[in-house]
Amino acid sequence: SGKEIAEIKKLHKEQPKLTAEMIANQYSVSASLIRQE
């Protein structure tokens, strides 16, 4: 959702060391989708 996208971008900015796989597990989506956002 748009809200989740905003949360993910904020998380990536604040904690750049987090991998796409780590965040994908949190939101239960594929890492490819996280990288795309």
Full PDB file with SEQRES, HELIX, SHEET, SSBOND, CRYST1, ORIGX, SCALE, CONECT and MASTER records, all heavy atoms in Angstrom:
SEQRES   1 A   37  SER GLY LYS GLU ILE ALA GLU ILE LYS LYS LEU HIS LYS          
SEQRES   2 A   37  GLU GLN PRO LYS LEU THR ALA GLU MET ILE ALA ASN GLN          
SEQRES   3 A   37  TYR SER VAL SER ALA SER LEU ILE ARG GLN GLU                  
HELIX    1 AA1 GLY A    2  GLU A   14  1                                  13    
HELIX    2 AA2 ALA A   20  TYR A   27  1                                   8    
HELIX    3 AA3 ALA A   31  GLN A   36  1                                   6    
CRYST1    1.000    1.000    1.000  90.00  90.00  90.00 P 1           1          
ORIGX1      1.000000  0.000000  0.000000        0.00000                         
ORIGX2      0.000000  1.000000  0.000000        0.00000                         
ORIGX3      0.000000  0.000000  1.000000        0.00000                         
SCALE1      1.000000  0.000000  0.000000        0.00000                         
SCALE2      0.000000  1.000000  0.000000        0.00000                         
SCALE3      0.000000  0.000000  1.000000        0.00000                         
ATOM      1  N   SER A   1       0.847  -1.187   0.000  1.00  0.00           N  
ATOM      2  CA  SER A   1       0.000   0.000   0.000  1.00  0.00           C  
ATOM      3  C   SER A   1       0.887   1.242   0.000  1.00  0.00           C  
ATOM      4  O   SER A   1       2.099   1.159   0.262  1.00  0.00           O  
ATOM      5  CB  SER A   1      -0.897   0.012   1.244  1.00  0.00           C  
ATOM      6  OG  SER A   1      -0.106   0.181   2.418  1.00  0.00           O  
ATOM      7  N   GLY A   2       0.300   2.372  -0.296  1.00  0.00           N  
ATOM      8  CA  GLY A   2       1.069   3.612  -0.293  1.00  0.00           C  
ATOM      9  C   GLY A   2       1.679   3.896   1.074  1.00  0.00           C  
ATOM     10  O   GLY A   2       2.806   4.392   1.178  1.00  0.00           O  
ATOM     11  N   LYS A   3       0.930   3.563   2.125  1.00  0.00           N  
ATOM     12  CA  LYS A   3       1.426   3.774   3.488  1.00  0.00           C  
ATOM     13  C   LYS A   3       2.641   2.904   3.766  1.00  0.00           C  
ATOM     14  O   LYS A   3       3.634   3.353   4.349  1.00  0.00           O  
ATOM     15  CB  LYS A   3       0.321   3.476   4.502  1.00  0.00           C  
ATOM     16  CG  LYS A   3       0.728   3.699   5.955  1.00  0.00           C  
ATOM     17  CD  LYS A   3      -0.426   3.400   6.894  1.00  0.00           C  
ATOM     18  CE  LYS A   3       0.002   3.609   8.355  1.00  0.00           C  
ATOM     19  NZ  LYS A   3      -1.108   3.299   9.291  1.00  0.00           N  
ATOM     20  N   GLU A   4       2.585   1.635   3.332  1.00  0.00           N  
ATOM     21  CA  GLU A   4       3.712   0.728   3.538  1.00  0.00           C  
ATOM     22  C   GLU A   4       4.934   1.173   2.751  1.00  0.00           C  
ATOM     23  O   GLU A   4       6.072   1.079   3.228  1.00  0.00           O  
ATOM     24  CB  GLU A   4       3.305  -0.695   3.140  1.00  0.00           C  
ATOM     25  CG  GLU A   4       2.339  -1.343   4.116  1.00  0.00           C  
ATOM     26  CD  GLU A   4       1.856  -2.702   3.634  1.00  0.00           C  
ATOM     27  OE1 GLU A   4       1.677  -2.851   2.413  1.00  0.00           O  
ATOM     28  OE2 GLU A   4       1.657  -3.583   4.470  1.00  0.00           O  
ATOM     29  N   ILE A   5       4.709   1.669   1.540  1.00  0.00           N  
ATOM     30  CA  ILE A   5       5.816   2.160   0.710  1.00  0.00           C  
ATOM     31  C   ILE A   5       6.521   3.309   1.407  1.00  0.00           C  
ATOM     32  O   ILE A   5       7.758   3.379   1.445  1.00  0.00           O  
ATOM     33  CB  ILE A   5       5.296   2.601  -0.672  1.00  0.00           C  
ATOM     34  CG1 ILE A   5       4.848   1.374  -1.476  1.00  0.00           C  
ATOM     35  CG2 ILE A   5       6.373   3.359  -1.441  1.00  0.00           C  
ATOM     36  CD1 ILE A   5       4.131   1.704  -2.751  1.00  0.00           C  
ATOM     37  N   ALA A   6       5.741   4.227   1.992  1.00  0.00           N  
ATOM     38  CA  ALA A   6       6.327   5.366   2.711  1.00  0.00           C  
ATOM     39  C   ALA A   6       7.124   4.871   3.918  1.00  0.00           C  
ATOM     40  O   ALA A   6       8.217   5.377   4.200  1.00  0.00           O  
ATOM     41  CB  ALA A   6       5.211   6.316   3.154  1.00  0.00           C  
ATOM     42  N   GLU A   7       6.588   3.865   4.622  1.00  0.00           N  
ATOM     43  CA  GLU A   7       7.287   3.310   5.784  1.00  0.00           C  
ATOM     44  C   GLU A   7       8.605   2.651   5.378  1.00  0.00           C  
ATOM     45  O   GLU A   7       9.635   2.829   6.037  1.00  0.00           O  
ATOM     46  CB  GLU A   7       6.395   2.273   6.477  1.00  0.00           C  
ATOM     47  CG  GLU A   7       5.173   2.865   7.163  1.00  0.00           C  
ATOM     48  CD  GLU A   7       4.260   1.779   7.715  1.00  0.00           C  
ATOM     49  OE1 GLU A   7       4.523   0.586   7.411  1.00  0.00           O  
ATOM     50  OE2 GLU A   7       3.287   2.115   8.418  1.00  0.00           O  
ATOM     51  N   ILE A   8       8.584   1.908   4.278  1.00  0.00           N  
ATOM     52  CA  ILE A   8       9.776   1.205   3.807  1.00  0.00           C  
ATOM     53  C   ILE A   8      10.858   2.189   3.372  1.00  0.00           C  
ATOM     54  O   ILE A   8      12.035   2.011   3.678  1.00  0.00           O  
ATOM     55  CB  ILE A   8       9.398   0.260   2.643  1.00  0.00           C  
ATOM     56  CG1 ILE A   8       8.612  -0.926   3.189  1.00  0.00           C  
ATOM     57  CG2 ILE A   8      10.630  -0.215   1.892  1.00  0.00           C  
ATOM     58  CD1 ILE A   8       7.979  -1.783   2.121  1.00  0.00           C  
ATOM     59  N   LYS A   9      10.465   3.234   2.681  1.00  0.00           N  
ATOM     60  CA  LYS A   9      11.447   4.238   2.248  1.00  0.00           C  
ATOM     61  C   LYS A   9      12.066   4.951   3.448  1.00  0.00           C  
ATOM     62  O   LYS A   9      13.274   5.237   3.471  1.00  0.00           O  
ATOM     63  CB  LYS A   9      10.786   5.246   1.306  1.00  0.00           C  
ATOM     64  CG  LYS A   9      10.464   4.656  -0.054  1.00  0.00           C  
ATOM     65  CD  LYS A   9      10.006   5.730  -1.015  1.00  0.00           C  
ATOM     66  CE  LYS A   9       9.849   5.162  -2.418  1.00  0.00           C  
ATOM     67  NZ  LYS A   9       9.465   6.163  -3.408  1.00  0.00           N  
ATOM     68  N   LYS A  10      11.245   5.236   4.440  1.00  0.00           N  
ATOM     69  CA  LYS A  10      11.751   5.888   5.651  1.00  0.00           C  
ATOM     70  C   LYS A  10      12.707   4.956   6.389  1.00  0.00           C  
ATOM     71  O   LYS A  10      13.772   5.383   6.855  1.00  0.00           O  
ATOM     72  CB  LYS A  10      10.579   6.263   6.561  1.00  0.00           C  
ATOM     73  CG  LYS A  10      11.008   6.993   7.839  1.00  0.00           C  
ATOM     74  CD  LYS A  10       9.794   7.354   8.683  1.00  0.00           C  
ATOM     75  CE  LYS A  10      10.233   8.057   9.970  1.00  0.00           C  
ATOM     76  NZ  LYS A  10       9.061   8.382  10.833  1.00  0.00           N  
ATOM     77  N   LEU A  11      12.353   3.680   6.467  1.00  0.00           N  
ATOM     78  CA  LEU A  11      13.193   2.686   7.136  1.00  0.00           C  
ATOM     79  C   LEU A  11      14.525   2.531   6.417  1.00  0.00           C  
ATOM     80  O   LEU A  11      15.582   2.438   7.044  1.00  0.00           O  
ATOM     81  CB  LEU A  11      12.452   1.348   7.184  1.00  0.00           C  
ATOM     82  CG  LEU A  11      13.046   0.244   8.065  1.00  0.00           C  
ATOM     83  CD1 LEU A  11      13.094   0.697   9.519  1.00  0.00           C  
ATOM     84  CD2 LEU A  11      12.219  -1.019   7.934  1.00  0.00           C  
ATOM     85  N   HIS A  12      14.473   2.515   5.095  1.00  0.00           N  
ATOM     86  CA  HIS A  12      15.695   2.374   4.290  1.00  0.00           C  
ATOM     87  C   HIS A  12      16.615   3.578   4.460  1.00  0.00           C  
ATOM     88  O   HIS A  12      17.840   3.456   4.491  1.00  0.00           O  
ATOM     89  CB  HIS A  12      15.311   2.204   2.818  1.00  0.00           C  
ATOM     90  CG  HIS A  12      16.487   2.017   1.905  1.00  0.00           C  
ATOM     91  ND1 HIS A  12      17.480   1.095   2.153  1.00  0.00           N  
ATOM     92  CD2 HIS A  12      16.823   2.634   0.745  1.00  0.00           C  
ATOM     93  CE1 HIS A  12      18.380   1.141   1.173  1.00  0.00           C  
ATOM     94  NE2 HIS A  12      18.004   2.074   0.332  1.00  0.00           N  
ATOM     95  N   LYS A  13      16.020   4.751   4.599  1.00  0.00           N  
ATOM     96  CA  LYS A  13      16.793   5.976   4.772  1.00  0.00           C  
ATOM     97  C   LYS A  13      17.428   6.038   6.157  1.00  0.00           C  
ATOM     98  O   LYS A  13      18.583   6.445   6.311  1.00  0.00           O  
ATOM     99  CB  LYS A  13      15.892   7.197   4.548  1.00  0.00           C  
ATOM    100  CG  LYS A  13      16.629   8.527   4.611  1.00  0.00           C  
ATOM    101  CD  LYS A  13      15.679   9.679   4.301  1.00  0.00           C  
ATOM    102  CE  LYS A  13      16.410  11.019   4.349  1.00  0.00           C  
ATOM    103  NZ  LYS A  13      15.486  12.144   4.067  1.00  0.00           N  
ATOM    104  N   GLU A  14      16.675   5.621   7.162  1.00  0.00           N  
ATOM    105  CA  GLU A  14      17.173   5.697   8.536  1.00  0.00           C  
ATOM    106  C   GLU A  14      18.126   4.550   8.878  1.00  0.00           C  
ATOM    107  O   GLU A  14      19.033   4.711   9.703  1.00  0.00           O  
ATOM    108  CB  GLU A  14      15.987   5.705   9.513  1.00  0.00           C  
ATOM    109  CG  GLU A  14      15.109   6.943   9.392  1.00  0.00           C  
ATOM    110  CD  GLU A  14      13.896   6.867  10.310  1.00  0.00           C  
ATOM    111  OE1 GLU A  14      13.634   5.763  10.855  1.00  0.00           O  
ATOM    112  OE2 GLU A  14      13.216   7.901  10.482  1.00  0.00           O  
ATOM    113  N   GLN A  15      17.900   3.378   8.262  1.00  0.00           N  
ATOM    114  CA  GLN A  15      18.738   2.212   8.545  1.00  0.00           C  
ATOM    115  C   GLN A  15      19.197   1.567   7.228  1.00  0.00           C  
ATOM    116  O   GLN A  15      18.719   0.515   6.833  1.00  0.00           O  
ATOM    117  CB  GLN A  15      17.970   1.191   9.388  1.00  0.00           C  
ATOM    118  CG  GLN A  15      17.456   1.743  10.703  1.00  0.00           C  
ATOM    119  CD  GLN A  15      16.759   0.686  11.530  1.00  0.00           C  
ATOM    120  OE1 GLN A  15      17.289  -0.401  11.752  1.00  0.00           O  
ATOM    121  NE2 GLN A  15      15.555   1.004  11.987  1.00  0.00           N  
ATOM    122  N   PRO A  16      20.123   2.218   6.532  1.00  0.00           N  
ATOM    123  CA  PRO A  16      20.557   1.750   5.209  1.00  0.00           C  
ATOM    124  C   PRO A  16      21.205   0.376   5.200  1.00  0.00           C  
ATOM    125  O   PRO A  16      21.324  -0.249   4.148  1.00  0.00           O  
ATOM    126  CB  PRO A  16      21.555   2.835   4.771  1.00  0.00           C  
ATOM    127  CG  PRO A  16      22.019   3.468   6.043  1.00  0.00           C  
ATOM    128  CD  PRO A  16      20.837   3.439   6.948  1.00  0.00           C  
ATOM    129  N   LYS A  17      21.635  -0.112   6.360  1.00  0.00           N  
ATOM    130  CA  LYS A  17      22.286  -1.417   6.413  1.00  0.00           C  
ATOM    131  C   LYS A  17      21.292  -2.576   6.334  1.00  0.00           C  
ATOM    132  O   LYS A  17      21.678  -3.717   6.121  1.00  0.00           O  
ATOM    133  CB  LYS A  17      23.126  -1.536   7.687  1.00  0.00           C  
ATOM    134  CG  LYS A  17      24.351  -0.626   7.698  1.00  0.00           C  
ATOM    135  CD  LYS A  17      25.217  -0.879   8.924  1.00  0.00           C  
ATOM    136  CE  LYS A  17      26.462   0.000   8.909  1.00  0.00           C  
ATOM    137  NZ  LYS A  17      27.321  -0.247  10.092  1.00  0.00           N  
ATOM    138  N   LEU A  18      20.019  -2.282   6.514  1.00  0.00           N  
ATOM    139  CA  LEU A  18      19.000  -3.323   6.409  1.00  0.00           C  
ATOM    140  C   LEU A  18      18.889  -3.783   4.956  1.00  0.00           C  
ATOM    141  O   LEU A  18      18.780  -2.961   4.048  1.00  0.00           O  
ATOM    142  CB  LEU A  18      17.640  -2.803   6.888  1.00  0.00           C  
ATOM    143  CG  LEU A  18      17.464  -2.592   8.393  1.00  0.00           C  
ATOM    144  CD1 LEU A  18      16.083  -2.020   8.673  1.00  0.00           C  
ATOM    145  CD2 LEU A  18      17.652  -3.904   9.149  1.00  0.00           C  
ATOM    146  N   THR A  19      18.925  -5.077   4.722  1.00  0.00           N  
ATOM    147  CA  THR A  19      18.822  -5.604   3.362  1.00  0.00           C  
ATOM    148  C   THR A  19      17.361  -5.695   2.932  1.00  0.00           C  
ATOM    149  O   THR A  19      16.447  -5.652   3.758  1.00  0.00           O  
ATOM    150  CB  THR A  19      19.459  -7.000   3.275  1.00  0.00           C  
ATOM    151  OG1 THR A  19      18.693  -7.908   4.070  1.00  0.00           O  
ATOM    152  CG2 THR A  19      20.900  -6.970   3.763  1.00  0.00           C  
ATOM    153  N   ALA A  20      17.176  -5.852   1.620  1.00  0.00           N  
ATOM    154  CA  ALA A  20      15.821  -5.990   1.086  1.00  0.00           C  
ATOM    155  C   ALA A  20      15.149  -7.238   1.643  1.00  0.00           C  
ATOM    156  O   ALA A  20      13.944  -7.253   1.911  1.00  0.00           O  
ATOM    157  CB  ALA A  20      15.870  -6.045  -0.440  1.00  0.00           C  
ATOM    158  N   GLU A  21      15.948  -8.297   1.849  1.00  0.00           N  
ATOM    159  CA  GLU A  21      15.403  -9.542   2.375  1.00  0.00           C  
ATOM    160  C   GLU A  21      14.876  -9.359   3.806  1.00  0.00           C  
ATOM    161  O   GLU A  21      13.831  -9.902   4.166  1.00  0.00           O  
ATOM    162  CB  GLU A  21      16.472 -10.637   2.362  1.00  0.00           C  
ATOM    163  CG  GLU A  21      16.793 -11.191   0.971  1.00  0.00           C  
ATOM    164  CD  GLU A  21      17.603 -10.233   0.120  1.00  0.00           C  
ATOM    165  OE1 GLU A  21      18.222  -9.295   0.699  1.00  0.00           O  
ATOM    166  OE2 GLU A  21      17.613 -10.402  -1.103  1.00  0.00           O  
ATOM    167  N   MET A  22      15.619  -8.590   4.613  1.00  0.00           N  
ATOM    168  CA  MET A  22      15.186  -8.343   5.992  1.00  0.00           C  
ATOM    169  C   MET A  22      13.841  -7.619   6.032  1.00  0.00           C  
ATOM    170  O   MET A  22      12.939  -7.978   6.789  1.00  0.00           O  
ATOM    171  CB  MET A  22      16.243  -7.512   6.729  1.00  0.00           C  
ATOM    172  CG  MET A  22      17.563  -8.215   6.958  1.00  0.00           C  
ATOM    173  SD  MET A  22      18.762  -7.118   7.747  1.00  0.00           S  
ATOM    174  CE  MET A  22      20.206  -8.189   7.812  1.00  0.00           C  
ATOM    175  N   ILE A  23      13.733  -6.593   5.221  1.00  0.00           N  
ATOM    176  CA  ILE A  23      12.496  -5.809   5.199  1.00  0.00           C  
ATOM    177  C   ILE A  23      11.368  -6.622   4.566  1.00  0.00           C  
ATOM    178  O   ILE A  23      10.213  -6.532   4.987  1.00  0.00           O  
ATOM    179  CB  ILE A  23      12.714  -4.488   4.447  1.00  0.00           C  
ATOM    180  CG1 ILE A  23      13.784  -3.645   5.163  1.00  0.00           C  
ATOM    181  CG2 ILE A  23      11.414  -3.701   4.334  1.00  0.00           C  
ATOM    182  CD1 ILE A  23      14.098  -2.332   4.484  1.00  0.00           C  
ATOM    183  N   ALA A  24      11.693  -7.427   3.545  1.00  0.00           N  
ATOM    184  CA  ALA A  24      10.680  -8.255   2.882  1.00  0.00           C  
ATOM    185  C   ALA A  24      10.046  -9.226   3.867  1.00  0.00           C  
ATOM    186  O   ALA A  24       8.833  -9.453   3.837  1.00  0.00           O  
ATOM    187  CB  ALA A  24      11.312  -9.014   1.715  1.00  0.00           C  
ATOM    188  N   ASN A  25      10.861  -9.784   4.749  1.00  0.00           N  
ATOM    189  CA  ASN A  25      10.326 -10.705   5.759  1.00  0.00           C  
ATOM    190  C   ASN A  25       9.357  -9.999   6.694  1.00  0.00           C  
ATOM    191  O   ASN A  25       8.346 -10.554   7.115  1.00  0.00           O  
ATOM    192  CB  ASN A  25      11.475 -11.314   6.570  1.00  0.00           C  
ATOM    193  CG  ASN A  25      12.263 -12.330   5.772  1.00  0.00           C  
ATOM    194  OD1 ASN A  25      11.756 -12.871   4.791  1.00  0.00           O  
ATOM    195  ND2 ASN A  25      13.494 -12.573   6.169  1.00  0.00           N  
ATOM    196  N   GLN A  26       9.662  -8.752   7.003  1.00  0.00           N  
ATOM    197  CA  GLN A  26       8.807  -7.986   7.914  1.00  0.00           C  
ATOM    198  C   GLN A  26       7.443  -7.708   7.290  1.00  0.00           C  
ATOM    199  O   GLN A  26       6.416  -7.728   7.975  1.00  0.00           O  
ATOM    200  CB  GLN A  26       9.501  -6.672   8.291  1.00  0.00           C  
ATOM    201  CG  GLN A  26       8.682  -5.802   9.244  1.00  0.00           C  
ATOM    202  CD  GLN A  26       9.421  -4.530   9.622  1.00  0.00           C  
ATOM    203  OE1 GLN A  26      10.640  -4.439   9.497  1.00  0.00           O  
ATOM    204  NE2 GLN A  26       8.686  -3.543  10.077  1.00  0.00           N  
ATOM    205  N   TYR A  27       7.446  -7.436   5.977  1.00  0.00           N  
ATOM    206  CA  TYR A  27       6.193  -7.096   5.307  1.00  0.00           C  
ATOM    207  C   TYR A  27       5.594  -8.282   4.542  1.00  0.00           C  
ATOM    208  O   TYR A  27       4.567  -8.137   3.888  1.00  0.00           O  
ATOM    209  CB  TYR A  27       6.422  -5.925   4.340  1.00  0.00           C  
ATOM    210  CG  TYR A  27       6.576  -4.595   5.048  1.00  0.00           C  
ATOM    211  CD1 TYR A  27       7.825  -4.165   5.496  1.00  0.00           C  
ATOM    212  CD2 TYR A  27       5.475  -3.782   5.288  1.00  0.00           C  
ATOM    213  CE1 TYR A  27       7.970  -2.955   6.161  1.00  0.00           C  
ATOM    214  CE2 TYR A  27       5.606  -2.571   5.942  1.00  0.00           C  
ATOM    215  CZ  TYR A  27       6.859  -2.167   6.383  1.00  0.00           C  
ATOM    216  OH  TYR A  27       6.988  -0.961   7.031  1.00  0.00           O  
ATOM    217  N   SER A  28       6.274  -9.428   4.597  1.00  0.00           N  
ATOM    218  CA  SER A  28       5.787 -10.652   3.947  1.00  0.00           C  
ATOM    219  C   SER A  28       5.564 -10.478   2.455  1.00  0.00           C  
ATOM    220  O   SER A  28       4.517 -10.838   1.906  1.00  0.00           O  
ATOM    221  CB  SER A  28       4.481 -11.119   4.615  1.00  0.00           C  
ATOM    222  OG  SER A  28       4.693 -11.387   5.977  1.00  0.00           O  
ATOM    223  N   VAL A  29       6.557  -9.878   1.799  1.00  0.00           N  
ATOM    224  CA  VAL A  29       6.531  -9.730   0.348  1.00  0.00           C  
ATOM    225  C   VAL A  29       7.885 -10.160  -0.184  1.00  0.00           C  
ATOM    226  O   VAL A  29       8.795 -10.479   0.580  1.00  0.00           O  
ATOM    227  CB  VAL A  29       6.225  -8.275  -0.081  1.00  0.00           C  
ATOM    228  CG1 VAL A  29       4.818  -7.884   0.330  1.00  0.00           C  
ATOM    229  CG2 VAL A  29       7.242  -7.312   0.504  1.00  0.00           C  
ATOM    230  N   SER A  30       8.058 -10.164  -1.506  1.00  0.00           N  
ATOM    231  CA  SER A  30       9.330 -10.561  -2.092  1.00  0.00           C  
ATOM    232  C   SER A  30      10.343  -9.425  -1.992  1.00  0.00           C  
ATOM    233  O   SER A  30       9.988  -8.241  -1.992  1.00  0.00           O  
ATOM    234  CB  SER A  30       9.144 -10.949  -3.563  1.00  0.00           C  
ATOM    235  OG  SER A  30       8.786  -9.822  -4.330  1.00  0.00           O  
ATOM    236  N   ALA A  31      11.625  -9.799  -1.943  1.00  0.00           N  
ATOM    237  CA  ALA A  31      12.691  -8.801  -1.879  1.00  0.00           C  
ATOM    238  C   ALA A  31      12.732  -7.954  -3.147  1.00  0.00           C  
ATOM    239  O   ALA A  31      13.108  -6.785  -3.121  1.00  0.00           O  
ATOM    240  CB  ALA A  31      14.037  -9.497  -1.659  1.00  0.00           C  
ATOM    241  N   SER A  32      12.337  -8.549  -4.280  1.00  0.00           N  
ATOM    242  CA  SER A  32      12.306  -7.807  -5.539  1.00  0.00           C  
ATOM    243  C   SER A  32      11.358  -6.618  -5.447  1.00  0.00           C  
ATOM    244  O   SER A  32      11.643  -5.524  -5.945  1.00  0.00           O  
ATOM    245  CB  SER A  32      11.866  -8.722  -6.686  1.00  0.00           C  
ATOM    246  OG  SER A  32      12.809  -9.718  -6.930  1.00  0.00           O  
ATOM    247  N   LEU A  33      10.222  -6.828  -4.803  1.00  0.00           N  
ATOM    248  CA  LEU A  33       9.242  -5.756  -4.649  1.00  0.00           C  
ATOM    249  C   LEU A  33       9.805  -4.650  -3.771  1.00  0.00           C  
ATOM    250  O   LEU A  33       9.585  -3.461  -4.033  1.00  0.00           O  
ATOM    251  CB  LEU A  33       7.947  -6.324  -4.042  1.00  0.00           C  
ATOM    252  CG  LEU A  33       6.735  -5.393  -4.020  1.00  0.00           C  
ATOM    253  CD1 LEU A  33       6.396  -4.937  -5.417  1.00  0.00           C  
ATOM    254  CD2 LEU A  33       5.553  -6.093  -3.392  1.00  0.00           C  
ATOM    255  N   ILE A  34      10.553  -5.017  -2.728  1.00  0.00           N  
ATOM    256  CA  ILE A  34      11.161  -4.020  -1.851  1.00  0.00           C  
ATOM    257  C   ILE A  34      12.195  -3.199  -2.611  1.00  0.00           C  
ATOM    258  O   ILE A  34      12.222  -1.969  -2.534  1.00  0.00           O  
ATOM    259  CB  ILE A  34      11.829  -4.697  -0.633  1.00  0.00           C  
ATOM    260  CG1 ILE A  34      10.781  -5.429   0.223  1.00  0.00           C  
ATOM    261  CG2 ILE A  34      12.590  -3.672   0.212  1.00  0.00           C  
ATOM    262  CD1 ILE A  34       9.747  -4.549   0.845  1.00  0.00           C  
ATOM    263  N   ARG A  35      13.037  -3.877  -3.389  1.00  0.00           N  
ATOM    264  CA  ARG A  35      14.067  -3.167  -4.170  1.00  0.00           C  
ATOM    265  C   ARG A  35      13.444  -2.214  -5.167  1.00  0.00           C  
ATOM    266  O   ARG A  35      13.948  -1.125  -5.417  1.00  0.00           O  
ATOM    267  CB  ARG A  35      14.962  -4.173  -4.900  1.00  0.00           C  
ATOM    268  CG  ARG A  35      15.864  -4.980  -3.968  1.00  0.00           C  
ATOM    269  CD  ARG A  35      16.953  -5.683  -4.755  1.00  0.00           C  
ATOM    270  NE  ARG A  35      17.716  -6.565  -3.898  1.00  0.00           N  
ATOM    271  CZ  ARG A  35      17.476  -7.870  -3.766  1.00  0.00           C  
ATOM    272  NH1 ARG A  35      16.500  -8.423  -4.459  1.00  0.00           N  
ATOM    273  NH2 ARG A  35      18.220  -8.611  -2.964  1.00  0.00           N  
ATOM    274  N   GLN A  36      12.339  -2.617  -5.741  1.00  0.00           N  
ATOM    275  CA  GLN A  36      11.659  -1.769  -6.719  1.00  0.00           C  
ATOM    276  C   GLN A  36      11.156  -0.486  -6.054  1.00  0.00           C  
ATOM    277  O   GLN A  36      11.204   0.595  -6.658  1.00  0.00           O  
ATOM    278  CB  GLN A  36      10.497  -2.530  -7.346  1.00  0.00           C  
ATOM    279  CG  GLN A  36       9.787  -1.762  -8.459  1.00  0.00           C  
ATOM    280  CD  GLN A  36       8.797  -2.625  -9.199  1.00  0.00           C  
ATOM    281  OE1 GLN A  36       9.070  -3.774  -9.514  1.00  0.00           O  
ATOM    282  NE2 GLN A  36       7.623  -2.090  -9.461  1.00  0.00           N  
ATOM    283  N   GLU A  37      10.711  -0.577  -4.799  1.00  0.00           N  
ATOM    284  CA  GLU A  37      10.218   0.605  -4.101  1.00  0.00           C  
ATOM    285  C   GLU A  37      11.366   1.491  -3.621  1.00  0.00           C  
ATOM    286  O   GLU A  37      11.187   2.685  -3.434  1.00  0.00           O  
ATOM    287  CB  GLU A  37       9.349   0.195  -2.910  1.00  0.00           C  
ATOM    288  CG  GLU A  37       8.117  -0.617  -3.274  1.00  0.00           C  
ATOM    289  CD  GLU A  37       7.247   0.077  -4.302  1.00  0.00           C  
ATOM    290  OE1 GLU A  37       7.319   1.307  -4.399  1.00  0.00           O  
ATOM    291  OE2 GLU A  37       6.518  -0.613  -5.023  1.00  0.00           O  
TER     292      GLU A  37                                                      
MASTER        0    0    0    3    0    0    0    6  291    1    0    3          
END                                                                             
